[in-house]
Protein backbone atom coordinates (compact mmCIF):
# COMPACT_ATOMS: atom_id res chain seq x y z
CA MET A 1 -96.80 152.28 93.56
CA LYS A 2 -95.46 152.08 90.02
CA TYR A 3 -95.10 155.53 88.55
CA PHE A 4 -96.36 156.31 84.90
CA ASP A 5 -97.02 159.86 85.33
CA HIS A 6 -93.51 161.34 84.25
CA ASN A 7 -95.25 163.95 81.68
CA ALA A 8 -96.96 165.53 84.84
CA THR A 9 -93.77 165.68 87.03
CA THR A 10 -90.71 163.44 87.45
CA PRO A 11 -89.19 162.04 90.54
CA LEU A 12 -86.32 164.19 91.71
CA SER A 13 -83.22 162.48 90.51
CA PRO A 14 -80.34 161.69 92.93
CA PRO A 15 -78.08 164.06 91.43
CA ALA A 16 -80.49 166.97 91.69
CA ARG A 17 -81.34 166.00 95.33
CA GLU A 18 -77.50 166.12 96.18
CA ALA A 19 -76.96 169.52 94.31
CA TRP A 20 -80.06 170.95 95.91
CA LEU A 21 -78.83 169.96 99.57
CA GLU A 22 -75.38 170.93 98.77
CA ALA A 23 -76.68 174.48 97.51
CA VAL A 24 -78.76 175.11 100.58
CA GLU A 25 -75.53 174.49 102.72
CA ARG A 26 -73.11 176.25 100.58
CA TYR A 27 -75.05 179.38 99.26
CA PRO A 28 -77.23 180.55 101.95
CA GLY A 29 -76.68 184.09 100.89
CA ASN A 30 -78.91 186.36 98.66
CA PRO A 31 -77.16 186.65 95.24
CA SER A 32 -78.00 190.14 95.30
CA SER A 33 -76.14 191.03 98.42
CA PRO A 34 -72.83 192.56 98.72
CA HIS A 35 -71.20 190.43 101.13
CA ARG A 36 -69.12 187.30 100.26
CA LEU A 37 -72.03 184.97 100.92
CA GLY A 38 -73.98 186.62 98.50
CA SER A 39 -71.07 186.99 95.97
CA ARG A 40 -70.64 183.17 96.27
CA ALA A 41 -74.34 182.59 95.55
CA ASP A 42 -73.98 184.98 92.59
CA TYR A 43 -71.18 183.15 91.36
CA ALA A 44 -72.81 180.00 91.66
CA LEU A 45 -75.91 181.12 89.56
CA ASP A 46 -73.40 182.34 86.82
CA GLN A 47 -71.74 179.00 86.58
CA SER A 48 -75.09 177.41 86.25
CA ARG A 49 -76.17 179.78 83.54
CA GLU A 50 -73.05 179.36 81.57
CA SER A 51 -73.60 175.49 81.93
CA MET A 52 -77.27 175.55 80.82
CA ALA A 53 -76.42 178.02 78.11
CA GLY A 54 -73.75 175.74 76.73
CA ARG A 55 -76.20 172.88 76.50
CA LEU A 56 -78.78 174.94 74.51
CA GLY A 57 -76.18 176.58 72.42
CA VAL A 58 -76.66 180.10 73.35
CA SER A 59 -75.23 183.01 75.18
CA PRO A 60 -75.70 183.05 78.90
CA LEU A 61 -77.01 186.36 78.72
CA ASP A 62 -80.18 184.91 76.78
CA LEU A 63 -81.27 182.94 79.73
CA ILE A 64 -83.65 184.04 82.26
CA TRP A 65 -84.40 181.84 85.44
CA THR A 66 -88.06 181.50 86.18
CA SER A 67 -90.39 179.71 88.57
CA GLY A 68 -91.45 177.41 85.56
CA ALA A 69 -93.39 177.04 82.29
CA THR A 70 -96.33 179.14 83.53
CA GLU A 71 -94.23 182.22 84.42
CA ALA A 72 -92.20 181.90 81.33
CA SER A 73 -95.16 181.66 79.04
CA ASN A 74 -96.66 184.89 80.58
CA MET A 75 -93.53 186.32 80.17
CA VAL A 76 -93.09 185.90 76.55
CA PHE A 77 -96.72 187.10 75.74
CA HIS A 78 -96.48 189.97 78.05
CA HIS A 79 -93.38 191.10 76.34
CA MET A 80 -94.89 190.76 72.72
CA ALA A 81 -97.98 192.47 73.59
CA GLY A 82 -95.85 195.65 74.47
CA GLU A 83 -93.64 195.07 71.11
CA LEU A 84 -96.41 194.39 68.45
CA GLU A 85 -98.59 196.86 67.07
CA PRO A 86 -102.09 196.76 68.55
CA GLN A 87 -103.72 195.17 65.50
CA ARG A 88 -101.18 192.41 65.10
CA VAL A 89 -102.28 188.80 65.30
CA ILE A 90 -100.65 185.92 66.89
CA TRP A 91 -100.84 182.10 65.88
CA ILE A 92 -100.77 179.48 68.39
CA SER A 93 -101.18 175.46 67.80
CA SER A 94 -104.74 174.30 68.93
CA VAL A 95 -102.92 171.71 71.14
CA GLU A 96 -100.69 174.02 73.29
CA HIS A 97 -100.35 173.53 76.99
CA PRO A 98 -102.99 175.65 79.00
CA CYS A 99 -100.12 177.83 80.28
CA VAL A 100 -99.33 178.89 76.78
CA HIS A 101 -103.17 179.02 75.37
CA GLU A 102 -104.33 180.79 78.43
CA ALA A 103 -101.37 183.38 78.60
CA ALA A 104 -101.96 184.23 74.88
CA LEU A 105 -105.49 184.86 75.35
CA ARG A 106 -104.81 186.87 78.53
CA TRP A 107 -102.45 189.13 76.76
CA PHE A 108 -103.82 189.12 73.10
CA ALA A 109 -107.54 188.20 73.68
CA ASN A 110 -109.16 188.36 70.44
CA ARG A 111 -105.91 188.69 68.61
CA VAL A 112 -105.19 184.98 68.89
CA ARG A 113 -105.63 182.53 65.77
CA THR A 114 -105.25 178.84 66.44
CA ILE A 115 -103.47 176.59 63.99
CA PRO A 116 -105.55 173.33 63.44
CA VAL A 117 -104.15 169.96 63.65
CA SER A 118 -104.73 166.66 62.10
CA SER A 119 -106.28 163.80 63.76
CA GLU A 120 -103.06 162.60 64.63
CA GLY A 121 -102.40 166.00 66.52
CA VAL A 122 -99.85 167.31 64.14
CA VAL A 123 -100.05 170.94 62.87
CA ASP A 124 -101.60 171.45 59.54
CA TRP A 125 -98.95 172.66 57.16
CA GLU A 126 -101.22 173.42 54.34
CA TRP A 127 -103.09 175.90 56.59
CA MET A 128 -99.97 177.56 57.70
CA GLU A 129 -98.92 177.96 53.95
CA LYS A 130 -102.12 179.17 52.93
CA GLU A 131 -102.55 181.55 55.93
CA GLY A 132 -98.98 182.78 55.69
CA ARG A 133 -99.32 184.10 52.37
CA ARG A 134 -102.35 186.18 53.66
CA GLU A 135 -100.79 187.74 56.90
CA ARG A 136 -97.80 187.79 58.68
CA PRO A 137 -98.39 187.10 62.61
CA GLY A 138 -96.66 188.83 65.27
CA LEU A 139 -95.62 185.53 66.72
CA ILE A 140 -96.10 181.89 66.27
CA ALA A 141 -96.06 179.38 69.30
CA VAL A 142 -96.03 175.68 68.68
CA MET A 143 -94.91 173.20 71.28
CA ALA A 144 -91.96 170.63 70.72
CA ALA A 145 -93.90 167.80 71.89
CA ASN A 146 -97.59 167.39 73.41
CA ASN A 147 -98.07 166.73 77.08
CA GLU A 148 -101.07 164.82 76.69
CA THR A 149 -100.47 162.59 73.51
CA GLY A 150 -96.69 162.76 73.34
CA VAL A 151 -97.24 163.62 69.65
CA ILE A 152 -93.88 165.35 68.40
CA GLN A 153 -94.45 168.64 66.36
CA PRO A 154 -92.19 169.52 63.52
CA TRP A 155 -90.74 172.29 65.61
CA GLN A 156 -87.34 172.59 63.69
CA ARG A 157 -89.21 173.03 60.31
CA ILE A 158 -91.63 175.71 61.93
CA ARG A 159 -88.47 177.40 63.35
CA ASP A 160 -87.00 177.74 60.12
CA TRP A 161 -90.29 178.59 58.34
CA CYS A 162 -90.64 181.53 60.82
CA GLY A 163 -87.12 182.62 60.56
CA GLU A 164 -87.52 182.96 56.71
CA ARG A 165 -90.59 185.24 57.04
CA GLY A 166 -89.23 187.14 59.89
CA VAL A 167 -91.77 185.97 62.50
CA PRO A 168 -90.72 185.39 66.23
CA TYR A 169 -91.05 181.63 67.05
CA PHE A 170 -91.92 180.44 70.55
CA CYS A 171 -91.29 176.89 71.44
CA ASP A 172 -92.49 175.18 74.80
CA ALA A 173 -89.96 172.53 75.07
CA ALA A 174 -91.16 171.37 78.58
CA GLN A 175 -91.76 167.70 77.19
CA TRP A 176 -88.88 167.74 74.93
CA ILE A 177 -85.92 168.50 77.28
CA GLY A 178 -84.45 165.39 79.18
CA LYS A 179 -85.89 163.11 76.58
CA TYR A 180 -83.97 164.41 73.47
CA PRO A 181 -81.00 166.55 72.97
CA THR A 182 -81.22 170.21 73.68
CA VAL A 183 -78.95 171.86 71.38
CA GLU A 184 -81.15 172.91 68.56
CA LEU A 185 -83.65 174.58 71.05
CA GLY A 186 -81.26 177.50 71.33
CA ALA A 187 -82.16 178.44 67.80
CA CYS A 188 -85.71 179.38 68.65
CA ASP A 189 -86.45 182.95 69.36
CA TRP A 190 -88.13 181.94 72.61
CA THR A 191 -87.74 178.50 74.38
CA LEU A 192 -88.94 177.45 78.00
CA GLY A 193 -88.15 174.67 80.01
CA CYS A 194 -89.03 173.67 83.57
CA ALA A 195 -86.97 171.34 86.05
CA HIS A 196 -89.51 169.13 87.26
CA LYS A 197 -90.18 167.49 83.81
CA PHE A 198 -86.62 166.12 83.75
CA GLY A 199 -85.75 165.16 87.27
CA GLY A 200 -85.12 168.37 88.72
CA PRO A 201 -87.17 170.16 91.53
CA LYS A 202 -90.57 171.84 91.25
CA GLY A 203 -90.82 175.67 90.99
CA VAL A 204 -87.97 176.49 88.86
CA GLY A 205 -87.33 176.74 85.17
CA PHE A 206 -85.81 179.07 82.56
CA LEU A 207 -86.80 181.00 79.41
CA LYS A 208 -84.35 181.53 76.58
CA GLY A 209 -85.15 184.91 74.75
CA PRO A 210 -84.11 186.61 71.49
CA ARG A 211 -80.44 186.94 71.24
CA GLY A 212 -79.00 190.34 72.16
CA ARG A 213 -82.64 191.94 72.93
CA SER A 214 -83.99 193.23 76.04
CA VAL A 215 -87.11 191.62 77.61
CA ARG A 216 -89.99 193.59 79.27
CA PRO A 217 -90.26 192.21 82.82
CA LEU A 218 -93.47 190.58 83.84
CA LEU A 219 -92.45 190.71 87.52
CA VAL A 220 -91.13 194.23 88.72
CA GLY A 221 -89.75 195.24 92.00
CA GLY A 222 -86.07 194.61 91.66
CA PRO A 223 -82.91 194.48 89.34
CA GLN A 224 -82.50 190.80 89.23
CA GLU A 225 -81.91 188.94 86.07
CA LEU A 226 -80.49 192.10 84.52
CA HIS A 227 -83.76 193.81 85.24
CA ARG A 228 -85.74 191.21 83.33
CA ARG A 229 -87.36 189.50 85.95
CA ALA A 230 -87.61 190.83 89.74
CA GLY A 231 -87.34 188.56 92.69
CA THR A 232 -84.61 186.72 94.51
CA GLU A 233 -83.13 183.88 92.39
CA ASN A 234 -83.79 180.40 93.62
CA VAL A 235 -80.18 179.17 93.80
CA ALA A 236 -80.54 175.78 95.23
CA GLY A 237 -83.40 175.17 92.51
CA VAL A 238 -81.39 176.34 89.72
CA LEU A 239 -78.18 174.24 90.70
CA SER A 240 -80.45 171.18 91.18
CA MET A 241 -82.13 172.02 87.79
CA GLU A 242 -78.68 172.30 86.12
CA ALA A 243 -77.55 168.84 87.85
CA ALA A 244 -80.73 167.07 86.76
CA LEU A 245 -80.42 168.11 83.11
CA ALA A 246 -76.53 167.08 83.21
CA ASP A 247 -77.77 163.74 84.63
CA ARG A 248 -80.52 163.34 81.97
CA GLU A 249 -77.96 164.31 79.01
CA ARG A 250 -75.46 161.60 80.40
CA TRP A 251 -78.18 159.25 80.07
CA LEU A 252 -79.14 160.21 76.48
CA GLU A 253 -75.42 159.78 75.73
CA SER A 254 -75.43 156.25 76.83
CA THR A 255 -78.72 155.14 75.53
CA THR A 256 -80.29 154.32 72.24
CA LEU A 257 -83.64 156.10 71.58
CA ASP A 258 -84.67 153.60 68.91
CA ASP A 259 -84.58 150.98 71.71
CA ARG A 260 -87.01 153.24 73.77
CA GLU A 261 -89.42 153.47 70.98
CA CYS A 262 -89.13 149.91 70.03
CA LEU A 263 -90.04 149.17 73.79
CA ARG A 264 -93.19 151.55 73.31
CA ALA A 265 -94.21 149.79 70.34
CA GLN A 266 -93.77 146.46 72.11
CA VAL A 267 -96.03 147.66 74.70
CA GLU A 268 -98.77 148.90 72.24
CA GLU A 269 -98.55 145.50 70.46
CA ALA A 270 -99.15 143.62 73.68
CA LEU A 271 -101.68 146.07 74.73
CA ILE A 272 -103.83 145.49 71.50
CA LYS A 273 -103.68 141.78 72.08
CA ILE A 274 -105.12 142.18 75.53
CA LEU A 275 -107.55 145.12 74.92
CA PRO A 276 -108.51 145.04 71.10
CA GLU A 277 -110.91 147.89 71.48
CA VAL A 278 -107.92 150.22 72.62
CA ARG A 279 -107.05 153.05 70.26
CA VAL A 280 -103.59 154.59 70.49
CA LEU A 281 -103.70 158.37 69.81
CA GLY A 282 -101.30 159.84 67.39
CA GLU A 283 -100.49 156.24 66.44
CA ARG A 284 -99.01 157.22 62.88
CA ALA A 285 -97.41 160.40 64.12
CA ALA A 286 -93.64 160.86 65.42
CA ARG A 287 -94.43 160.53 69.43
CA LEU A 288 -91.99 160.71 72.59
CA TRP A 289 -90.72 157.51 73.35
CA ASN A 290 -92.21 157.45 76.73
CA THR A 291 -95.78 158.34 76.21
CA LEU A 292 -98.94 156.23 75.67
CA SER A 293 -102.22 158.08 74.99
CA LEU A 294 -105.02 155.62 75.13
CA VAL A 295 -108.82 155.67 74.34
CA MET A 296 -109.87 152.87 76.70
CA PRO A 297 -112.82 150.27 75.96
CA SER A 298 -116.24 151.82 76.52
CA ARG A 299 -117.74 151.04 80.09
CA ASP A 300 -120.30 152.37 82.22
CA CYS A 301 -120.18 156.22 82.50
CA ARG A 302 -119.08 155.95 86.21
CA PHE A 303 -116.06 153.59 85.29
CA ARG A 304 -112.75 155.19 85.63
CA TRP A 305 -109.71 153.37 84.47
CA VAL A 306 -107.32 155.73 86.38
CA VAL A 307 -109.19 155.06 89.60
CA LYS A 308 -109.20 151.38 89.06
CA LEU A 309 -105.52 151.18 88.30
CA ASP A 310 -104.54 153.53 91.22
CA ARG A 311 -106.24 151.07 93.54
CA LEU A 312 -103.88 148.38 92.01
CA GLY A 313 -100.77 150.42 92.54
CA PHE A 314 -100.24 152.12 89.24
CA ALA A 315 -100.16 155.87 88.72
CA VAL A 316 -101.47 157.03 85.30
CA SER A 317 -103.05 160.09 84.15
CA THR A 318 -106.30 161.21 82.48
CA GLY A 319 -105.95 162.44 78.90
CA SER A 320 -109.11 164.53 79.82
CA ALA A 321 -110.12 167.36 82.14
CA CYS A 322 -113.52 165.31 82.57
CA SER A 323 -111.95 162.99 85.08
CA SER A 324 -110.27 165.67 87.08
CA GLY A 325 -113.13 167.68 88.31
CA LYS A 326 -113.06 170.24 85.56
CA GLU A 327 -116.09 171.00 83.38
CA LYS A 328 -114.78 170.79 79.82
CA PRO A 329 -112.89 167.90 78.14
CA SER A 330 -109.21 168.45 77.09
CA HIS A 331 -109.04 171.11 74.24
CA VAL A 332 -106.21 169.00 72.79
CA LEU A 333 -108.45 165.92 72.20
CA GLN A 334 -111.10 168.12 70.96
CA ALA A 335 -108.75 169.70 68.49
CA MET A 336 -107.90 165.98 67.21
CA GLY A 337 -111.47 165.32 66.59
CA LEU A 338 -112.38 163.27 69.76
CA SER A 339 -115.95 163.53 71.04
CA SER A 340 -116.57 164.45 74.80
CA GLU A 341 -117.68 160.73 75.44
CA GLU A 342 -114.16 159.40 73.87
CA SER A 343 -112.09 162.18 75.70
CA GLY A 344 -113.49 160.93 78.91
CA ARG A 345 -112.00 157.32 78.22
CA VAL A 346 -108.57 158.65 77.53
CA ILE A 347 -105.74 157.60 79.91
CA ARG A 348 -102.04 158.62 79.73
CA CYS A 349 -99.18 156.48 80.48
CA SER A 350 -95.73 158.13 80.54
CA SER A 351 -92.61 156.37 81.79
CA GLY A 352 -89.06 157.55 82.63
CA PRO A 353 -85.56 156.35 81.85
CA GLU A 354 -85.61 153.69 84.60
CA THR A 355 -88.93 152.26 83.49
CA THR A 356 -88.60 148.70 82.18
CA TRP A 357 -90.60 146.25 80.16
CA THR A 358 -91.13 144.46 83.41
CA ASP A 359 -93.00 147.74 84.69
CA TRP A 360 -95.02 148.02 81.59
CA SER A 361 -95.68 144.34 81.62
CA ALA A 362 -97.04 144.57 85.13
CA LEU A 363 -99.20 147.67 83.92
CA LEU A 364 -100.75 145.64 81.19
CA ASP A 365 -101.56 142.71 83.44
CA ALA A 366 -103.36 145.01 85.85
CA MET A 367 -105.41 146.51 82.66
CA LYS A 368 -106.32 142.67 81.67
CA ARG A 369 -107.27 142.20 85.21
CA ILE A 370 -109.42 145.15 85.52
CA ASP A 371 -111.17 144.27 82.06
CA ARG A 372 -111.78 140.62 83.19
CA GLU A 373 -113.22 141.55 86.26
CA VAL A 374 -115.55 144.25 84.69
CA ASN A 375 -116.75 141.77 82.23
CA GLN A 376 -117.30 139.15 84.80
CA THR A 377 -119.48 141.49 86.79
CA SER A 378 -121.47 142.50 83.59
CA SER A 379 -122.33 139.11 82.51
CA SER A 380 -123.36 138.27 86.20
CA VAL A 381 -126.10 141.16 86.00
């Protein structure tokens, strides 16, 4: 099976696997326990915290270990709901990941305003400037890069825009980390990351909070993480996550991202020749080098590209919830102006550092084969 679903989750990298296995053996103790085994585990956590903080350019005290992006998002909005005045409104982009979108609605209900996006999926700056003159939101949440389309948001500019106005900025960097350098992310007020998006294990991540500020705990019941997040820390998971990020950053130092973007462009060009009807989402926007979000040719309503490709040995994802048993199409695609019918034809192909042109070429050949077989079947009816 050739794997093209890295935006959903990445395979565990060898360094991450080795770090996890070593940690399980070396640090069996609870980091909160007073004996030597507990102290060793606590020391290992501190070392990983310092390493991760260095990569982000922040103080180790700014980092909180979490179970992943969903918990981190809920932690941010839970904290801000307790900090802001009851009438204050927050803004989130209309293409945020569900863990951000749903958490915002959970904690702020009807005090959430959505920032519109262009047909390319990029936040509307004119809207932000205009509405920013009318009100000062209590928080703005705009992701670094979209998980469905790969469209990169101008998050550095948004961060600076918020800083000039004294508005806290929350950046979901789950899709950015491991694909691009992390150091500028530390300047955001809130930043989240999760290990399984960059070669680490599932069920562990981090939240970077405001420098020198206390954080209201979402989970209570213990003094862990300086009373900011109760629960025994996942020592093996944290050490494995840190090893995975170190491995990805070594890769970033040894590769040229321009070459990766050229590879994506090469794939797009070849795909259009094979299937001229295909539409590339976010085509004119800055996008992740690893992501292709495609509106596939129209077929019978029962036709599913994801299923057909899976049978040929290629794991790709759907860009719409329609194909995954949910009732509504993707809110991201709706925000970009796609109809429900178009959303149902979207697939996402997302690669990893090890994916080659040969792998992509095999996927294109599979698409060509499927299209030829479908056309032959249609012509014979």
